[in-house]
C-alpha atoms as a PDB file:
ATOM      1  CA  MET A   1       2.810  18.083  -1.447  1.00  0.00           C
ATOM      2  CA  ALA A   2       0.922  18.891  -4.629  1.00  0.00           C
ATOM      3  CA  GLN A   3       2.027  22.527  -4.400  1.00  0.00           C
ATOM      4  CA  ILE A   4       5.717  21.596  -4.773  1.00  0.00           C
ATOM      5  CA  PRO A   5       6.566  20.799  -8.411  1.00  0.00           C
ATOM      6  CA  GLY A   6       7.626  17.193  -8.899  1.00  0.00           C
ATOM      7  CA  GLN A   7       6.738  16.073  -5.364  1.00  0.00           C
ATOM      8  CA  VAL A   8       3.658  14.000  -6.264  1.00  0.00           C
ATOM      9  CA  GLU A   9       5.213  12.803  -9.517  1.00  0.00           C
ATOM     10  CA  SER A  10       8.157  11.360  -7.578  1.00  0.00           C
ATOM     11  CA  ILE A  11       5.826   8.953  -5.741  1.00  0.00           C
ATOM     12  CA  PHE A  12       4.761   7.270  -8.982  1.00  0.00           C
ATOM     13  CA  LEU A  13       7.315   4.943 -10.545  1.00  0.00           C
ATOM     14  CA  ASN A  14       6.282   5.480 -14.158  1.00  0.00           C
ATOM     15  CA  SER A  15       8.924   7.962 -15.275  1.00  0.00           C
ATOM     16  CA  LYS A  16       6.919   9.306 -18.211  1.00  0.00           C
ATOM     17  CA  ASN A  17       4.011  10.342 -15.965  1.00  0.00           C
ATOM     18  CA  GLN A  18       1.457   9.075 -18.486  1.00  0.00           C
ATOM     19  CA  ILE A  19      -1.540   6.760 -18.570  1.00  0.00           C
ATOM     20  CA  SER A  20      -0.300   3.177 -18.539  1.00  0.00           C
ATOM     21  CA  PRO A  21      -1.394   1.251 -21.656  1.00  0.00           C
ATOM     22  CA  ASN A  22      -1.523  -1.895 -19.471  1.00  0.00           C
ATOM     23  CA  GLY A  23      -3.493  -0.188 -16.706  1.00  0.00           C
ATOM     24  CA  ILE A  24      -0.852  -0.985 -14.082  1.00  0.00           C
ATOM     25  CA  TYR A  25       0.744   1.587 -11.786  1.00  0.00           C
ATOM     26  CA  ALA A  26       3.446   1.396  -9.127  1.00  0.00           C
ATOM     27  CA  VAL A  27       3.486   3.837  -6.224  1.00  0.00           C
ATOM     28  CA  ASN A  28       6.270   4.210  -3.652  1.00  0.00           C
ATOM     29  CA  PHE A  29       5.399   4.753  -0.006  1.00  0.00           C
ATOM     30  CA  GLN A  30       7.770   4.936   2.943  1.00  0.00           C
ATOM     31  CA  SER A  31       7.652   2.366   5.751  1.00  0.00           C
ATOM     32  CA  LEU A  32      10.006   3.066   8.646  1.00  0.00           C
ATOM     33  CA  GLY A  33      12.273   5.029   6.316  1.00  0.00           C
ATOM     34  CA  LEU A  34      12.386   2.338   3.631  1.00  0.00           C
ATOM     35  CA  PRO A  35      10.607   2.450   0.270  1.00  0.00           C
ATOM     36  CA  HIS A  36       7.610   0.150  -0.060  1.00  0.00           C
ATOM     37  CA  THR A  37       6.255  -0.270  -3.588  1.00  0.00           C
ATOM     38  CA  VAL A  38       2.535  -0.894  -4.078  1.00  0.00           C
ATOM     39  CA  ILE A  39       1.261  -2.016  -7.487  1.00  0.00           C
ATOM     40  CA  VAL A  40      -2.356  -1.355  -8.485  1.00  0.00           C
ATOM     41  CA  ASP A  41      -4.450  -1.572 -11.616  1.00  0.00           C
ATOM     42  CA  ASP A  42      -6.760   1.092 -13.009  1.00  0.00           C
ATOM     43  CA  GLN A  43      -9.995  -0.762 -12.132  1.00  0.00           C
ATOM     44  CA  MET A  44     -11.716   1.614  -9.712  1.00  0.00           C
ATOM     45  CA  PRO A  45     -14.649   0.952  -7.373  1.00  0.00           C
ATOM     46  CA  LEU A  46     -17.853   2.555  -8.663  1.00  0.00           C
ATOM     47  CA  ASN A  47     -21.095   3.465  -6.934  1.00  0.00           C
ATOM     48  CA  SER A  48     -24.528   2.425  -8.198  1.00  0.00           C
ATOM     49  CA  SER A  49     -24.573   5.472 -10.530  1.00  0.00           C
ATOM     50  CA  GLY A  50     -21.380   4.344 -12.245  1.00  0.00           C
ATOM     51  CA  LYS A  51     -19.266   7.143 -10.760  1.00  0.00           C
ATOM     52  CA  LEU A  52     -16.084   6.690  -8.783  1.00  0.00           C
ATOM     53  CA  ARG A  53     -16.988   5.675  -5.254  1.00  0.00           C
ATOM     54  CA  TYR A  54     -14.118   7.469  -3.536  1.00  0.00           C
ATOM     55  CA  ALA A  55     -11.766  10.104  -4.996  1.00  0.00           C
ATOM     56  CA  GLY A  56     -12.850  11.446  -8.365  1.00  0.00           C
ATOM     57  CA  ILE A  57     -10.851  12.329 -11.440  1.00  0.00           C
ATOM     58  CA  ALA A  58      -9.400  15.814 -11.649  1.00  0.00           C
ATOM     59  CA  ASN A  59     -12.335  17.572 -13.329  1.00  0.00           C
ATOM     60  CA  ASN A  60     -14.617  16.389 -10.510  1.00  0.00           C
ATOM     61  CA  VAL A  61     -12.489  17.205  -7.468  1.00  0.00           C
ATOM     62  CA  VAL A  62     -10.159  20.087  -8.287  1.00  0.00           C
ATOM     63  CA  ARG A  63     -10.097  23.099 -10.570  1.00  0.00           C
ATOM     64  CA  ASP A  64      -8.056  21.387 -13.294  1.00  0.00           C
ATOM     65  CA  ASP A  65     -10.004  19.882 -16.152  1.00  0.00           C
ATOM     66  CA  ASP A  66      -7.314  17.587 -17.537  1.00  0.00           C
ATOM     67  CA  GLY A  67      -9.136  14.419 -16.431  1.00  0.00           C
ATOM     68  CA  SER A  68      -5.986  13.041 -14.792  1.00  0.00           C
ATOM     69  CA  LEU A  69      -6.284   9.818 -12.824  1.00  0.00           C
ATOM     70  CA  TRP A  70      -3.468  10.327 -10.331  1.00  0.00           C
ATOM     71  CA  VAL A  71      -5.775  11.045  -7.377  1.00  0.00           C
ATOM     72  CA  PRO A  72      -7.875   7.839  -7.536  1.00  0.00           C
ATOM     73  CA  ILE A  73      -4.790   5.749  -8.399  1.00  0.00           C
ATOM     74  CA  LEU A  74      -2.876   7.194  -5.445  1.00  0.00           C
ATOM     75  CA  GLU A  75      -5.884   6.639  -3.173  1.00  0.00           C
ATOM     76  CA  LYS A  76      -6.262   3.036  -4.352  1.00  0.00           C
ATOM     77  CA  ALA A  77      -2.563   2.370  -3.772  1.00  0.00           C
ATOM     78  CA  TYR A  78      -2.741   3.896  -0.299  1.00  0.00           C
ATOM     79  CA  ALA A  79      -5.863   1.861   0.519  1.00  0.00           C
ATOM     80  CA  LYS A  80      -3.988  -1.284  -0.530  1.00  0.00           C
ATOM     81  CA  TYR A  81      -0.991  -0.188   1.567  1.00  0.00           C
ATOM     82  CA  GLN A  82      -3.278   0.289   4.608  1.00  0.00           C
ATOM     83  CA  GLY A  83      -5.285  -2.898   4.003  1.00  0.00           C
ATOM     84  CA  ASN A  84      -8.461  -1.602   2.331  1.00  0.00           C
ATOM     85  CA  TYR A  85     -10.496   1.560   1.665  1.00  0.00           C
ATOM     86  CA  GLU A  86     -12.302   1.232   4.985  1.00  0.00           C
ATOM     87  CA  HIS A  87      -9.034   1.790   6.846  1.00  0.00           C
ATOM     88  CA  LEU A  88      -8.749   5.240   5.241  1.00  0.00           C
ATOM     89  CA  ALA A  89     -12.038   6.520   6.646  1.00  0.00           C
ATOM     90  CA  GLY A  90     -11.505   9.094   9.371  1.00  0.00           C
ATOM     91  CA  GLY A  91      -7.742   8.737   9.283  1.00  0.00           C
ATOM     92  CA  TRP A  92      -5.175  11.445   9.932  1.00  0.00           C
ATOM     93  CA  MET A  93      -3.776  13.091   6.836  1.00  0.00           C
ATOM     94  CA  SER A  94      -0.393  13.525   8.525  1.00  0.00           C
ATOM     95  CA  SER A  95       0.251   9.776   8.532  1.00  0.00           C
ATOM     96  CA  ALA A  96      -0.518   9.636   4.798  1.00  0.00           C
ATOM     97  CA  ILE A  97       1.907  12.496   4.134  1.00  0.00           C
ATOM     98  CA  THR A  98       4.600  10.724   6.167  1.00  0.00           C
ATOM     99  CA  ASN A  99       4.015   7.530   4.183  1.00  0.00           C
ATOM    100  CA  MET A 100       4.232   9.439   0.919  1.00  0.00           C
ATOM    101  CA  ASN A 101       7.343  11.534   1.459  1.00  0.00           C
ATOM    102  CA  GLY A 102       9.112   9.720   4.284  1.00  0.00           C
ATOM    103  CA  GLY A 103       9.461  12.872   6.356  1.00  0.00           C
ATOM    104  CA  PRO A 104       7.843  13.883   9.611  1.00  0.00           C
ATOM    105  CA  SER A 105       4.478  15.606   9.786  1.00  0.00           C
ATOM    106  CA  VAL A 106       2.562  17.451  12.474  1.00  0.00           C
ATOM    107  CA  ASN A 107      -1.159  17.896  13.127  1.00  0.00           C
ATOM    108  CA  HIS A 108      -2.385  21.338  14.124  1.00  0.00           C
ATOM    109  CA  ILE A 109      -5.833  21.369  15.685  1.00  0.00           C
ATOM    110  CA  HIS A 110      -7.384  24.806  15.752  1.00  0.00           C
ATOM    111  CA  ASN A 111     -10.385  25.695  17.834  1.00  0.00           C
ATOM    112  CA  ARG A 112     -12.026  28.842  19.115  1.00  0.00           C
ATOM    113  CA  GLU A 113     -10.895  28.309  22.728  1.00  0.00           C
ATOM    114  CA  ASN A 114      -7.266  28.884  21.770  1.00  0.00           C
ATOM    115  CA  GLU A 115      -7.861  32.017  19.705  1.00  0.00           C
ATOM    116  CA  ILE A 116      -6.158  35.226  20.781  1.00  0.00           C
ATOM    117  CA  SER A 117      -8.467  38.233  20.685  1.00  0.00           C
END
């Protein structure tokens, strides 16, 4: 989704795509084909070292160094949508993609037994 321009931005309801001065963000997910809005604040869970406990900001998790907060905000909203962060552990990414864009998704499991030599 992040490779298609505007795809991730369309999930967030703040049209200016900027840091909220109030620290409140709204994210749209899809539930059975209908939009479901989740509202979260920018208070993130930290570990004992004071770093983000789950997803990090951009300069810690991807090559960009813009310090954007969209990844932890999206993760927090999805954790709230699913019930809590614990419900995200070990989950299938395809269900998250379906909840984000409303379209179908497919899992492909690759292993050495199915390789063609």
